[in-house]
Amino acid sequence: MSRRLLALEAGALTRAPGRALRLWIVLGVLALACPAGAESRLPPHYAESVAVYVIDPGGDGELRFRLGRFPECGRGILWMSAYVDGRHYAVVDPTISLEGSASATPVSSDSVTFDVAESQGIRVASFRRHGPAMIGHVTAATKAHETYHPPIGAGTETISAEIVFSASHGGVNVRPGRFEVFGTAEAEIVTPQGTFRISGPAKWHEQTGPRARFAPAFTYFWGGSGRVGLLARGGDSGDSWGYLVEGATVTPVERFTIESVGPDRRRFSVALADGRLIEGSASELRTSSVPIEDCRRPSSTVRIDSDLGDMIGHLNDWDPARNPQ
């Protein structure tokens, strides 16, 4: 376990010494990489993904990490990208082996490890998951491409990263099997050009359960600052979901609309369950894409100007009719 994660936990213990025994037991479980535990039968097409994104408040650096696990076939896939020092590294590696850890992750537990084979150099864990003080920890090393639009498979540039995520509120189950939480994160990224550190608004999410293909077009949008986080998803189906978090207060999204893909600055509006209407614009800082399901999924890092103030985040559009591989 990293020194930074241990230091963070030491701070938590100082603030709440009465919880020391329970927290150190959790840390001990994580340090020993306790197996996730087997399920005798998984639903057809069961899959998992866990992701964490962190962006410097000015947009000058960011790290995206996402791990997909497919326990029934014992394999996984890594999506990872880093933007530091004006360079963008990215990889989509579908050859991740789960080996002996090919079982479902018990996401209802208070602490979990999304296991892969030890030889893969990837570790994803989180604990204190059912309260407002969740911590996530990711380490990963891979061979990436220096591009915004990577092909499938490993590249030639060795990069590694460590992320420590700290939630700012209790996680939200926005859909069955979909867990989302905003917070802040610190990341250390090592590239051929050196070691870089970024910190800023961050988001952690998980998806577990039977996996349907993406199908209808949709837009997934999130932004964060030091005080708020906004997540909104809308699409051709007319179904919108998401939430606004302000401190510890979470308000569901009822409707999300945004201008069509095209302009570098796109206007949006979000209707909340409490009757408020949030309006603003998302201005593109840079774009990237990844291959998925025989298409490319584009994504933009955006600076957000809205009724909630300034935020930084991502705007992802999925439309297989417009974005063939």
C-alpha atoms as a PDB file:
ATOM      1  CA  MET A   1       0.000   0.000   0.000  1.00  0.00           C
ATOM      2  CA  SER A   2       1.309   3.449  -0.910  1.00  0.00           C
ATOM      3  CA  ARG A   3       2.717   5.888   1.614  1.00  0.00           C
ATOM      4  CA  ARG A   4       0.247   8.524   0.405  1.00  0.00           C
ATOM      5  CA  LEU A   5      -2.704   6.250   1.064  1.00  0.00           C
ATOM      6  CA  LEU A   6      -1.399   5.374   4.523  1.00  0.00           C
ATOM      7  CA  ALA A   7      -0.849   9.071   5.267  1.00  0.00           C
ATOM      8  CA  LEU A   8      -4.386   9.840   4.165  1.00  0.00           C
ATOM      9  CA  GLU A   9      -5.706   7.120   6.466  1.00  0.00           C
ATOM     10  CA  ALA A  10      -3.616   8.429   9.339  1.00  0.00           C
ATOM     11  CA  GLY A  11      -5.331  11.783   8.881  1.00  0.00           C
ATOM     12  CA  ALA A  12      -8.731  10.103   8.943  1.00  0.00           C
ATOM     13  CA  LEU A  13      -7.829   8.329  12.178  1.00  0.00           C
ATOM     14  CA  THR A  14      -6.705  11.587  13.765  1.00  0.00           C
ATOM     15  CA  ARG A  15     -10.062  13.158  12.929  1.00  0.00           C
ATOM     16  CA  ALA A  16     -12.040  10.154  14.204  1.00  0.00           C
ATOM     17  CA  PRO A  17      -9.900   8.089  16.610  1.00  0.00           C
ATOM     18  CA  GLY A  18     -12.855   6.029  17.791  1.00  0.00           C
ATOM     19  CA  ARG A  19     -12.954   4.335  14.378  1.00  0.00           C
ATOM     20  CA  ALA A  20      -9.278   3.333  14.433  1.00  0.00           C
ATOM     21  CA  LEU A  21      -9.705  -0.405  14.982  1.00  0.00           C
ATOM     22  CA  ARG A  22     -12.253  -0.846  12.191  1.00  0.00           C
ATOM     23  CA  LEU A  23     -10.213   1.226   9.726  1.00  0.00           C
ATOM     24  CA  TRP A  24      -6.983  -0.637  10.369  1.00  0.00           C
ATOM     25  CA  ILE A  25      -8.799  -3.947   9.929  1.00  0.00           C
ATOM     26  CA  VAL A  26     -10.030  -2.694   6.544  1.00  0.00           C
ATOM     27  CA  LEU A  27      -6.510  -1.609   5.610  1.00  0.00           C
ATOM     28  CA  GLY A  28      -5.162  -4.999   6.593  1.00  0.00           C
ATOM     29  CA  VAL A  29      -7.681  -6.746   4.362  1.00  0.00           C
ATOM     30  CA  LEU A  30      -6.712  -4.545   1.429  1.00  0.00           C
ATOM     31  CA  ALA A  31      -2.996  -4.931   2.035  1.00  0.00           C
ATOM     32  CA  LEU A  32      -3.342  -8.693   1.863  1.00  0.00           C
ATOM     33  CA  ALA A  33      -5.348  -8.405  -1.397  1.00  0.00           C
ATOM     34  CA  CYS A  34      -8.064 -10.645   0.005  1.00  0.00           C
ATOM     35  CA  PRO A  35      -9.773 -12.607  -2.797  1.00  0.00           C
ATOM     36  CA  ALA A  36     -13.079 -11.204  -3.982  1.00  0.00           C
ATOM     37  CA  GLY A  37     -14.975 -14.406  -3.283  1.00  0.00           C
ATOM     38  CA  ALA A  38     -16.637 -16.718  -5.769  1.00  0.00           C
ATOM     39  CA  GLU A  39     -20.187 -16.894  -6.993  1.00  0.00           C
ATOM     40  CA  SER A  40     -21.351 -20.315  -8.143  1.00  0.00           C
ATOM     41  CA  ARG A  41     -23.367 -19.019 -11.080  1.00  0.00           C
ATOM     42  CA  LEU A  42     -23.209 -15.614 -12.725  1.00  0.00           C
ATOM     43  CA  PRO A  43     -25.982 -14.106 -14.866  1.00  0.00           C
ATOM     44  CA  PRO A  44     -25.483 -14.442 -18.617  1.00  0.00           C
ATOM     45  CA  HIS A  45     -23.115 -11.796 -20.006  1.00  0.00           C
ATOM     46  CA  TYR A  46     -22.155 -10.649 -16.495  1.00  0.00           C
ATOM     47  CA  ALA A  47     -19.506  -7.919 -16.564  1.00  0.00           C
ATOM     48  CA  GLU A  48     -17.967  -5.292 -14.311  1.00  0.00           C
ATOM     49  CA  SER A  49     -16.273  -1.979 -14.870  1.00  0.00           C
ATOM     50  CA  VAL A  50     -14.683   0.403 -12.409  1.00  0.00           C
ATOM     51  CA  ALA A  51     -13.388   3.822 -13.381  1.00  0.00           C
ATOM     52  CA  VAL A  52     -11.842   6.915 -11.854  1.00  0.00           C
ATOM     53  CA  TYR A  53     -11.125  10.222 -13.589  1.00  0.00           C
ATOM     54  CA  VAL A  54      -9.226  13.209 -12.203  1.00  0.00           C
ATOM     55  CA  ILE A  55      -8.611  16.571 -13.882  1.00  0.00           C
ATOM     56  CA  ASP A  56      -6.499  19.525 -12.815  1.00  0.00           C
ATOM     57  CA  PRO A  57      -8.887  22.469 -12.126  1.00  0.00           C
ATOM     58  CA  GLY A  58      -7.254  24.426 -14.958  1.00  0.00           C
ATOM     59  CA  GLY A  59      -7.515  21.504 -17.359  1.00  0.00           C
ATOM     60  CA  ASP A  60      -3.742  21.300 -17.865  1.00  0.00           C
ATOM     61  CA  GLY A  61      -3.457  17.679 -16.716  1.00  0.00           C
ATOM     62  CA  GLU A  62      -5.737  14.696 -16.364  1.00  0.00           C
ATOM     63  CA  LEU A  63      -5.815  10.958 -15.897  1.00  0.00           C
ATOM     64  CA  ARG A  64      -8.534   8.512 -16.882  1.00  0.00           C
ATOM     65  CA  PHE A  65      -8.565   4.888 -15.757  1.00  0.00           C
ATOM     66  CA  ARG A  66     -11.164   2.231 -16.419  1.00  0.00           C
ATOM     67  CA  LEU A  67     -10.956  -1.516 -15.875  1.00  0.00           C
ATOM     68  CA  GLY A  68     -13.478  -3.950 -17.321  1.00  0.00           C
ATOM     69  CA  ARG A  69     -13.754  -7.474 -15.866  1.00  0.00           C
ATOM     70  CA  PHE A  70     -15.446 -10.448 -17.540  1.00  0.00           C
ATOM     71  CA  PRO A  71     -15.182 -13.213 -14.918  1.00  0.00           C
ATOM     72  CA  GLU A  72     -16.891 -15.969 -16.908  1.00  0.00           C
ATOM     73  CA  CYS A  73     -14.155 -15.942 -19.541  1.00  0.00           C
ATOM     74  CA  GLY A  74     -11.324 -14.956 -17.181  1.00  0.00           C
ATOM     75  CA  ARG A  75     -10.307 -11.813 -19.035  1.00  0.00           C
ATOM     76  CA  GLY A  76     -10.458  -8.060 -18.705  1.00  0.00           C
ATOM     77  CA  ILE A  77      -9.838  -4.851 -20.611  1.00  0.00           C
ATOM     78  CA  LEU A  78      -7.950  -1.706 -19.625  1.00  0.00           C
ATOM     79  CA  TRP A  79      -8.772   1.783 -20.879  1.00  0.00           C
ATOM     80  CA  MET A  80      -6.250   4.329 -19.627  1.00  0.00           C
ATOM     81  CA  SER A  81      -5.141   7.767 -20.779  1.00  0.00           C
ATOM     82  CA  ALA A  82      -3.037  10.580 -19.379  1.00  0.00           C
ATOM     83  CA  TYR A  83      -2.546  14.174 -20.471  1.00  0.00           C
ATOM     84  CA  VAL A  84       0.559  15.743 -18.941  1.00  0.00           C
ATOM     85  CA  ASP A  85       3.155  18.217 -20.142  1.00  0.00           C
ATOM     86  CA  GLY A  86       1.204  18.799 -23.364  1.00  0.00           C
ATOM     87  CA  ARG A  87       1.325  15.106 -24.365  1.00  0.00           C
ATOM     88  CA  HIS A  88      -1.517  12.597 -24.496  1.00  0.00           C
ATOM     89  CA  TYR A  89      -0.937   8.889 -23.868  1.00  0.00           C
ATOM     90  CA  ALA A  90      -3.681   6.316 -24.307  1.00  0.00           C
ATOM     91  CA  VAL A  91      -4.195   2.561 -24.426  1.00  0.00           C
ATOM     92  CA  VAL A  92      -7.066   0.125 -24.928  1.00  0.00           C
ATOM     93  CA  ASP A  93      -5.749  -3.287 -23.914  1.00  0.00           C
ATOM     94  CA  PRO A  94      -8.224  -6.216 -24.149  1.00  0.00           C
ATOM     95  CA  THR A  95      -5.671  -8.846 -23.092  1.00  0.00           C
ATOM     96  CA  ILE A  96      -5.877  -8.384 -19.308  1.00  0.00           C
ATOM     97  CA  SER A  97      -5.877 -11.752 -17.553  1.00  0.00           C
ATOM     98  CA  LEU A  98      -7.899 -12.433 -14.404  1.00  0.00           C
ATOM     99  CA  GLU A  99      -6.385 -15.888 -13.798  1.00  0.00           C
ATOM    100  CA  GLY A 100      -7.391 -17.220 -10.361  1.00  0.00           C
ATOM    101  CA  SER A 101      -9.422 -14.128  -9.493  1.00  0.00           C
ATOM    102  CA  ALA A 102     -12.105 -14.793 -12.101  1.00  0.00           C
ATOM    103  CA  SER A 103     -15.127 -14.296  -9.830  1.00  0.00           C
ATOM    104  CA  ALA A 104     -17.615 -11.518  -9.239  1.00  0.00           C
ATOM    105  CA  THR A 105     -16.508  -8.628  -7.045  1.00  0.00           C
ATOM    106  CA  PRO A 106     -18.707  -8.366  -3.896  1.00  0.00           C
ATOM    107  CA  VAL A 107     -19.575  -4.702  -4.425  1.00  0.00           C
ATOM    108  CA  SER A 108     -22.063  -4.708  -1.541  1.00  0.00           C
ATOM    109  CA  SER A 109     -19.167  -5.139   0.901  1.00  0.00           C
ATOM    110  CA  ASP A 110     -17.610  -2.229   2.762  1.00  0.00           C
ATOM    111  CA  SER A 111     -14.234  -2.848   1.119  1.00  0.00           C
ATOM    112  CA  VAL A 112     -13.477  -4.545  -2.189  1.00  0.00           C
ATOM    113  CA  THR A 113     -10.654  -5.295  -4.584  1.00  0.00           C
ATOM    114  CA  PHE A 114     -11.436  -5.578  -8.312  1.00  0.00           C
ATOM    115  CA  ASP A 115      -8.975  -8.400  -8.835  1.00  0.00           C
ATOM    116  CA  VAL A 116      -6.877  -9.129 -11.896  1.00  0.00           C
ATOM    117  CA  ALA A 117      -3.867 -11.397 -12.268  1.00  0.00           C
ATOM    118  CA  GLU A 118      -0.932 -10.132 -10.224  1.00  0.00           C
ATOM    119  CA  SER A 119       1.285 -10.175 -13.313  1.00  0.00           C
ATOM    120  CA  GLN A 120      -0.815  -7.445 -14.948  1.00  0.00           C
ATOM    121  CA  GLY A 121       0.483  -4.677 -12.675  1.00  0.00           C
ATOM    122  CA  ILE A 122      -3.027  -3.346 -11.973  1.00  0.00           C
ATOM    123  CA  ARG A 123      -4.688  -2.971  -8.594  1.00  0.00           C
ATOM    124  CA  VAL A 124      -8.052  -1.347  -7.887  1.00  0.00           C
ATOM    125  CA  ALA A 125      -9.506  -1.201  -4.373  1.00  0.00           C
ATOM    126  CA  SER A 126     -11.968   0.876  -2.397  1.00  0.00           C
ATOM    127  CA  PHE A 127     -13.147   0.899   1.175  1.00  0.00           C
ATOM    128  CA  ARG A 128     -15.584   2.679   3.502  1.00  0.00           C
ATOM    129  CA  ARG A 129     -17.880   2.350   0.488  1.00  0.00           C
ATOM    130  CA  HIS A 130     -21.218   2.883   2.231  1.00  0.00           C
ATOM    131  CA  GLY A 131     -20.647   6.328   3.674  1.00  0.00           C
ATOM    132  CA  PRO A 132     -19.470   9.810   2.706  1.00  0.00           C
ATOM    133  CA  ALA A 133     -15.768   9.035   3.301  1.00  0.00           C
ATOM    134  CA  MET A 134     -15.105   6.378   0.651  1.00  0.00           C
ATOM    135  CA  ILE A 135     -11.472   6.025  -0.439  1.00  0.00           C
ATOM    136  CA  GLY A 136     -10.370   4.521  -3.751  1.00  0.00           C
ATOM    137  CA  HIS A 137      -6.853   3.433  -4.650  1.00  0.00           C
ATOM    138  CA  VAL A 138      -5.592   2.537  -8.138  1.00  0.00           C
ATOM    139  CA  THR A 139      -2.152   1.566  -9.385  1.00  0.00           C
ATOM    140  CA  ALA A 140      -1.504   0.608 -13.000  1.00  0.00           C
ATOM    141  CA  ALA A 141       1.324   0.231 -15.482  1.00  0.00           C
ATOM    142  CA  THR A 142       0.921  -0.239 -19.212  1.00  0.00           C
ATOM    143  CA  LYS A 143       2.372   0.298 -22.687  1.00  0.00           C
ATOM    144  CA  ALA A 144       0.508   3.202 -24.271  1.00  0.00           C
ATOM    145  CA  HIS A 145       0.393   5.068 -27.571  1.00  0.00           C
ATOM    146  CA  GLU A 146       1.231   8.778 -27.701  1.00  0.00           C
ATOM    147  CA  THR A 147      -1.981   9.764 -29.449  1.00  0.00           C
ATOM    148  CA  TYR A 148      -5.498  11.030 -28.746  1.00  0.00           C
ATOM    149  CA  HIS A 149      -7.035   8.184 -30.768  1.00  0.00           C
ATOM    150  CA  PRO A 150      -5.369   4.862 -29.911  1.00  0.00           C
ATOM    151  CA  PRO A 151      -5.855   1.617 -31.816  1.00  0.00           C
ATOM    152  CA  ILE A 152      -6.707  -1.547 -29.937  1.00  0.00           C
ATOM    153  CA  GLY A 153      -3.668  -3.069 -28.257  1.00  0.00           C
ATOM    154  CA  ALA A 154      -0.542  -2.087 -26.394  1.00  0.00           C
ATOM    155  CA  GLY A 155       1.715   0.717 -27.576  1.00  0.00           C
ATOM    156  CA  THR A 156       5.413   1.428 -27.158  1.00  0.00           C
ATOM    157  CA  GLU A 157       5.409   4.121 -24.433  1.00  0.00           C
ATOM    158  CA  THR A 158       5.678   2.832 -20.850  1.00  0.00           C
ATOM    159  CA  ILE A 159       3.472   4.771 -18.441  1.00  0.00           C
ATOM    160  CA  SER A 160       2.339   4.098 -14.894  1.00  0.00           C
ATOM    161  CA  ALA A 161       0.013   5.799 -12.469  1.00  0.00           C
ATOM    162  CA  GLU A 162      -1.188   5.836  -8.894  1.00  0.00           C
ATOM    163  CA  ILE A 163      -4.474   7.468  -7.910  1.00  0.00           C
ATOM    164  CA  VAL A 164      -5.889   8.135  -4.446  1.00  0.00           C
ATOM    165  CA  PHE A 165      -9.562   9.125  -4.630  1.00  0.00           C
ATOM    166  CA  SER A 166     -11.461  10.723  -1.732  1.00  0.00           C
ATOM    167  CA  ALA A 167     -15.259  10.887  -1.965  1.00  0.00           C
ATOM    168  CA  SER A 168     -17.115  14.063  -1.057  1.00  0.00           C
ATOM    169  CA  HIS A 169     -20.509  12.404  -0.443  1.00  0.00           C
ATOM    170  CA  GLY A 170     -22.163   9.045  -0.085  1.00  0.00           C
ATOM    171  CA  GLY A 171     -22.219   7.105  -3.353  1.00  0.00           C
ATOM    172  CA  VAL A 172     -25.378   7.147  -5.472  1.00  0.00           C
ATOM    173  CA  ASN A 173     -26.919   4.129  -7.206  1.00  0.00           C
ATOM    174  CA  VAL A 174     -28.226   6.008 -10.227  1.00  0.00           C
ATOM    175  CA  ARG A 175     -29.381   2.807 -11.964  1.00  0.00           C
ATOM    176  CA  PRO A 176     -29.416  -0.895 -11.050  1.00  0.00           C
ATOM    177  CA  GLY A 177     -25.775  -1.901 -10.857  1.00  0.00           C
ATOM    178  CA  ARG A 178     -24.543   1.674 -11.501  1.00  0.00           C
ATOM    179  CA  PHE A 179     -22.666   3.394  -8.643  1.00  0.00           C
ATOM    180  CA  GLU A 180     -21.413   6.994  -8.960  1.00  0.00           C
ATOM    181  CA  VAL A 181     -19.575   9.258  -6.537  1.00  0.00           C
ATOM    182  CA  PHE A 182     -17.837  12.629  -6.835  1.00  0.00           C
ATOM    183  CA  GLY A 183     -14.778  13.703  -4.917  1.00  0.00           C
ATOM    184  CA  THR A 184     -11.196  14.792  -5.336  1.00  0.00           C
ATOM    185  CA  ALA A 185      -8.124  12.805  -6.242  1.00  0.00           C
ATOM    186  CA  GLU A 186      -4.360  12.974  -6.302  1.00  0.00           C
ATOM    187  CA  ALA A 187      -2.494  11.206  -9.073  1.00  0.00           C
ATOM    188  CA  GLU A 188       1.151  10.520  -9.816  1.00  0.00           C
ATOM    189  CA  ILE A 189       1.897   9.687 -13.450  1.00  0.00           C
ATOM    190  CA  VAL A 190       5.222   8.439 -14.789  1.00  0.00           C
ATOM    191  CA  THR A 191       5.892   8.809 -18.527  1.00  0.00           C
ATOM    192  CA  PRO A 192       9.065   8.692 -20.645  1.00  0.00           C
ATOM    193  CA  GLN A 193       9.310  12.450 -20.067  1.00  0.00           C
ATOM    194  CA  GLY A 194       9.297  12.256 -16.261  1.00  0.00           C
ATOM    195  CA  THR A 195       7.063  12.105 -13.217  1.00  0.00           C
ATOM    196  CA  PHE A 196       4.029  14.379 -12.970  1.00  0.00           C
ATOM    197  CA  ARG A 197       1.498  15.011 -10.222  1.00  0.00           C
ATOM    198  CA  ILE A 198      -2.007  16.320 -10.632  1.00  0.00           C
ATOM    199  CA  SER A 199      -4.889  16.855  -8.229  1.00  0.00           C
ATOM    200  CA  GLY A 200      -8.378  18.161  -8.646  1.00  0.00           C
ATOM    201  CA  PRO A 201     -12.045  17.280  -9.105  1.00  0.00           C
ATOM    202  CA  ALA A 202     -12.600  13.576  -9.647  1.00  0.00           C
ATOM    203  CA  LYS A 203     -15.307  11.016 -10.212  1.00  0.00           C
ATOM    204  CA  TRP A 204     -15.459   7.288  -9.443  1.00  0.00           C
ATOM    205  CA  HIS A 205     -18.030   4.974 -11.002  1.00  0.00           C
ATOM    206  CA  GLU A 206     -18.824   1.295 -11.210  1.00  0.00           C
ATOM    207  CA  GLN A 207     -21.121  -0.806 -13.376  1.00  0.00           C
ATOM    208  CA  THR A 208     -21.842  -4.424 -12.449  1.00  0.00           C
ATOM    209  CA  GLY A 209     -24.314  -6.945 -13.787  1.00  0.00           C
ATOM    210  CA  PRO A 210     -25.503  -8.399 -17.098  1.00  0.00           C
ATOM    211  CA  ARG A 211     -23.961  -6.322 -19.854  1.00  0.00           C
ATOM    212  CA  ALA A 212     -26.106  -5.066 -22.714  1.00  0.00           C
ATOM    213  CA  ARG A 213     -24.481  -3.505 -25.761  1.00  0.00           C
ATOM    214  CA  PHE A 214     -24.568   0.320 -25.901  1.00  0.00           C
ATOM    215  CA  ALA A 215     -27.250   0.610 -28.674  1.00  0.00           C
ATOM    216  CA  PRO A 216     -29.148   3.953 -28.685  1.00  0.00           C
ATOM    217  CA  ALA A 217     -27.193   7.180 -28.946  1.00  0.00           C
ATOM    218  CA  PHE A 218     -26.625   9.048 -25.689  1.00  0.00           C
ATOM    219  CA  THR A 219     -24.557  11.823 -24.114  1.00  0.00           C
ATOM    220  CA  TYR A 220     -22.876  11.422 -20.726  1.00  0.00           C
ATOM    221  CA  PHE A 221     -21.718  14.623 -19.053  1.00  0.00           C
ATOM    222  CA  TRP A 222     -20.026  15.379 -15.768  1.00  0.00           C
ATOM    223  CA  GLY A 223     -18.308  18.343 -14.164  1.00  0.00           C
ATOM    224  CA  GLY A 224     -16.910  19.130 -10.758  1.00  0.00           C
ATOM    225  CA  SER A 225     -15.365  21.869  -8.685  1.00  0.00           C
ATOM    226  CA  GLY A 226     -14.374  22.241  -5.077  1.00  0.00           C
ATOM    227  CA  ARG A 227     -17.978  22.543  -3.942  1.00  0.00           C
ATOM    228  CA  VAL A 228     -20.291  20.839  -6.440  1.00  0.00           C
ATOM    229  CA  GLY A 229     -20.520  17.902  -8.831  1.00  0.00           C
ATOM    230  CA  LEU A 230     -22.999  17.513 -11.677  1.00  0.00           C
ATOM    231  CA  LEU A 231     -23.689  14.281 -13.578  1.00  0.00           C
ATOM    232  CA  ALA A 232     -26.277  14.104 -16.371  1.00  0.00           C
ATOM    233  CA  ARG A 233     -27.048  11.503 -18.996  1.00  0.00           C
ATOM    234  CA  GLY A 234     -29.596  11.850 -21.792  1.00  0.00           C
ATOM    235  CA  GLY A 235     -30.177  10.312 -25.163  1.00  0.00           C
ATOM    236  CA  ASP A 236     -32.406   9.275 -28.039  1.00  0.00           C
ATOM    237  CA  SER A 237     -34.542   7.158 -25.737  1.00  0.00           C
ATOM    238  CA  GLY A 238     -35.686  10.300 -23.941  1.00  0.00           C
ATOM    239  CA  ASP A 239     -34.544   8.853 -20.622  1.00  0.00           C
ATOM    240  CA  SER A 240     -32.452  11.259 -18.515  1.00  0.00           C
ATOM    241  CA  TRP A 241     -30.735  10.516 -15.237  1.00  0.00           C
ATOM    242  CA  GLY A 242     -27.987  11.810 -12.997  1.00  0.00           C
ATOM    243  CA  TYR A 243     -27.672  14.022  -9.957  1.00  0.00           C
ATOM    244  CA  LEU A 244     -26.289  17.229  -8.512  1.00  0.00           C
ATOM    245  CA  VAL A 245     -24.258  17.062  -5.314  1.00  0.00           C
ATOM    246  CA  GLU A 246     -23.780  20.201  -3.221  1.00  0.00           C
ATOM    247  CA  GLY A 247     -21.850  19.391  -0.084  1.00  0.00           C
ATOM    248  CA  ALA A 248     -23.676  16.361   1.307  1.00  0.00           C
ATOM    249  CA  THR A 249     -26.952  17.164  -0.498  1.00  0.00           C
ATOM    250  CA  VAL A 250     -27.827  15.042  -3.540  1.00  0.00           C
ATOM    251  CA  THR A 251     -30.607  16.120  -5.928  1.00  0.00           C
ATOM    252  CA  PRO A 252     -31.687  13.830  -8.794  1.00  0.00           C
ATOM    253  CA  VAL A 253     -31.728  14.973 -12.418  1.00  0.00           C
ATOM    254  CA  GLU A 254     -35.092  14.762 -14.175  1.00  0.00           C
ATOM    255  CA  ARG A 255     -34.188  16.065 -17.640  1.00  0.00           C
ATOM    256  CA  PHE A 256     -30.944  16.772 -19.489  1.00  0.00           C
ATOM    257  CA  THR A 257     -30.678  18.454 -22.887  1.00  0.00           C
ATOM    258  CA  ILE A 258     -27.590  19.614 -24.759  1.00  0.00           C
ATOM    259  CA  GLU A 259     -26.787  21.029 -28.180  1.00  0.00           C
ATOM    260  CA  SER A 260     -25.868  18.498 -30.847  1.00  0.00           C
ATOM    261  CA  VAL A 261     -22.271  17.535 -31.539  1.00  0.00           C
ATOM    262  CA  GLY A 262     -20.490  20.114 -33.637  1.00  0.00           C
ATOM    263  CA  PRO A 263     -19.675  23.439 -31.977  1.00  0.00           C
ATOM    264  CA  ASP A 264     -16.699  23.717 -29.614  1.00  0.00           C
ATOM    265  CA  ARG A 265     -19.042  25.382 -27.111  1.00  0.00           C
ATOM    266  CA  ARG A 266     -22.298  23.532 -26.442  1.00  0.00           C
ATOM    267  CA  ARG A 267     -25.195  24.902 -24.429  1.00  0.00           C
ATOM    268  CA  PHE A 268     -26.980  22.595 -21.984  1.00  0.00           C
ATOM    269  CA  SER A 269     -29.792  22.607 -19.435  1.00  0.00           C
ATOM    270  CA  VAL A 270     -30.505  20.304 -16.518  1.00  0.00           C
ATOM    271  CA  ALA A 271     -33.879  20.140 -14.782  1.00  0.00           C
ATOM    272  CA  LEU A 272     -33.610  18.958 -11.181  1.00  0.00           C
ATOM    273  CA  ALA A 273     -36.146  17.113  -9.028  1.00  0.00           C
ATOM    274  CA  ASP A 274     -36.433  20.123  -6.711  1.00  0.00           C
ATOM    275  CA  GLY A 275     -37.684  22.330  -9.560  1.00  0.00           C
ATOM    276  CA  ARG A 276     -34.441  24.152 -10.336  1.00  0.00           C
ATOM    277  CA  LEU A 277     -33.196  24.554 -13.897  1.00  0.00           C
ATOM    278  CA  ILE A 278     -29.418  24.662 -14.308  1.00  0.00           C
ATOM    279  CA  GLU A 279     -28.174  26.193 -17.545  1.00  0.00           C
ATOM    280  CA  GLY A 280     -24.695  26.651 -18.917  1.00  0.00           C
ATOM    281  CA  SER A 281     -22.189  25.776 -21.601  1.00  0.00           C
ATOM    282  CA  ALA A 282     -19.372  23.261 -22.026  1.00  0.00           C
ATOM    283  CA  SER A 283     -16.328  24.497 -23.948  1.00  0.00           C
ATOM    284  CA  GLU A 284     -13.993  21.953 -25.482  1.00  0.00           C
ATOM    285  CA  LEU A 285     -10.358  21.904 -24.360  1.00  0.00           C
ATOM    286  CA  ARG A 286      -9.325  18.751 -26.254  1.00  0.00           C
ATOM    287  CA  THR A 287     -10.904  15.646 -27.755  1.00  0.00           C
ATOM    288  CA  SER A 288      -9.980  11.983 -27.771  1.00  0.00           C
ATOM    289  CA  SER A 289     -11.626   8.686 -28.654  1.00  0.00           C
ATOM    290  CA  VAL A 290     -11.448   4.966 -27.932  1.00  0.00           C
ATOM    291  CA  PRO A 291     -12.489   1.956 -29.991  1.00  0.00           C
ATOM    292  CA  ILE A 292     -15.454   0.120 -28.540  1.00  0.00           C
ATOM    293  CA  GLU A 293     -18.004  -2.271 -30.069  1.00  0.00           C
ATOM    294  CA  ASP A 294     -16.704  -1.744 -33.622  1.00  0.00           C
ATOM    295  CA  CYS A 295     -17.128   2.020 -33.292  1.00  0.00           C
ATOM    296  CA  ARG A 296     -15.159   4.896 -31.814  1.00  0.00           C
ATOM    297  CA  ARG A 297     -16.491   6.662 -28.767  1.00  0.00           C
ATOM    298  CA  PRO A 298     -15.434  10.319 -28.756  1.00  0.00           C
ATOM    299  CA  SER A 299     -14.877  12.280 -25.580  1.00  0.00           C
ATOM    300  CA  SER A 300     -14.080  15.904 -24.846  1.00  0.00           C
ATOM    301  CA  THR A 301     -12.411  17.420 -21.820  1.00  0.00           C
ATOM    302  CA  VAL A 302     -14.503  20.525 -21.174  1.00  0.00           C
ATOM    303  CA  ARG A 303     -14.494  23.706 -19.163  1.00  0.00           C
ATOM    304  CA  ILE A 304     -18.004  24.343 -17.841  1.00  0.00           C
ATOM    305  CA  ASP A 305     -19.612  27.734 -17.233  1.00  0.00           C
ATOM    306  CA  SER A 306     -23.023  27.432 -15.560  1.00  0.00           C
ATOM    307  CA  ASP A 307     -25.405  28.669 -12.894  1.00  0.00           C
ATOM    308  CA  LEU A 308     -23.400  26.496 -10.501  1.00  0.00           C
ATOM    309  CA  GLY A 309     -20.153  28.345 -11.260  1.00  0.00           C
ATOM    310  CA  ASP A 310     -17.062  27.158 -13.099  1.00  0.00           C
ATOM    311  CA  MET A 311     -16.333  23.431 -13.317  1.00  0.00           C
ATOM    312  CA  ILE A 312     -14.072  21.048 -15.217  1.00  0.00           C
ATOM    313  CA  GLY A 313     -15.200  17.706 -16.619  1.00  0.00           C
ATOM    314  CA  HIS A 314     -15.942  15.443 -19.580  1.00  0.00           C
ATOM    315  CA  LEU A 315     -18.541  15.286 -22.319  1.00  0.00           C
ATOM    316  CA  ASN A 316     -18.934  11.864 -23.960  1.00  0.00           C
ATOM    317  CA  ASP A 317     -21.158  11.243 -26.975  1.00  0.00           C
ATOM    318  CA  TRP A 318     -22.042   7.737 -28.104  1.00  0.00           C
ATOM    319  CA  ASP A 319     -23.578   7.468 -31.560  1.00  0.00           C
ATOM    320  CA  PRO A 320     -22.600   4.387 -33.583  1.00  0.00           C
ATOM    321  CA  ALA A 321     -24.257   5.820 -36.707  1.00  0.00           C
ATOM    322  CA  ARG A 322     -21.898   8.826 -36.652  1.00  0.00           C
ATOM    323  CA  ASN A 323     -18.725   7.228 -35.328  1.00  0.00           C
ATOM    324  CA  PRO A 324     -17.830   4.009 -37.155  1.00  0.00           C
ATOM    325  CA  GLN A 325     -14.508   2.342 -36.355  1.00  0.00           C
END
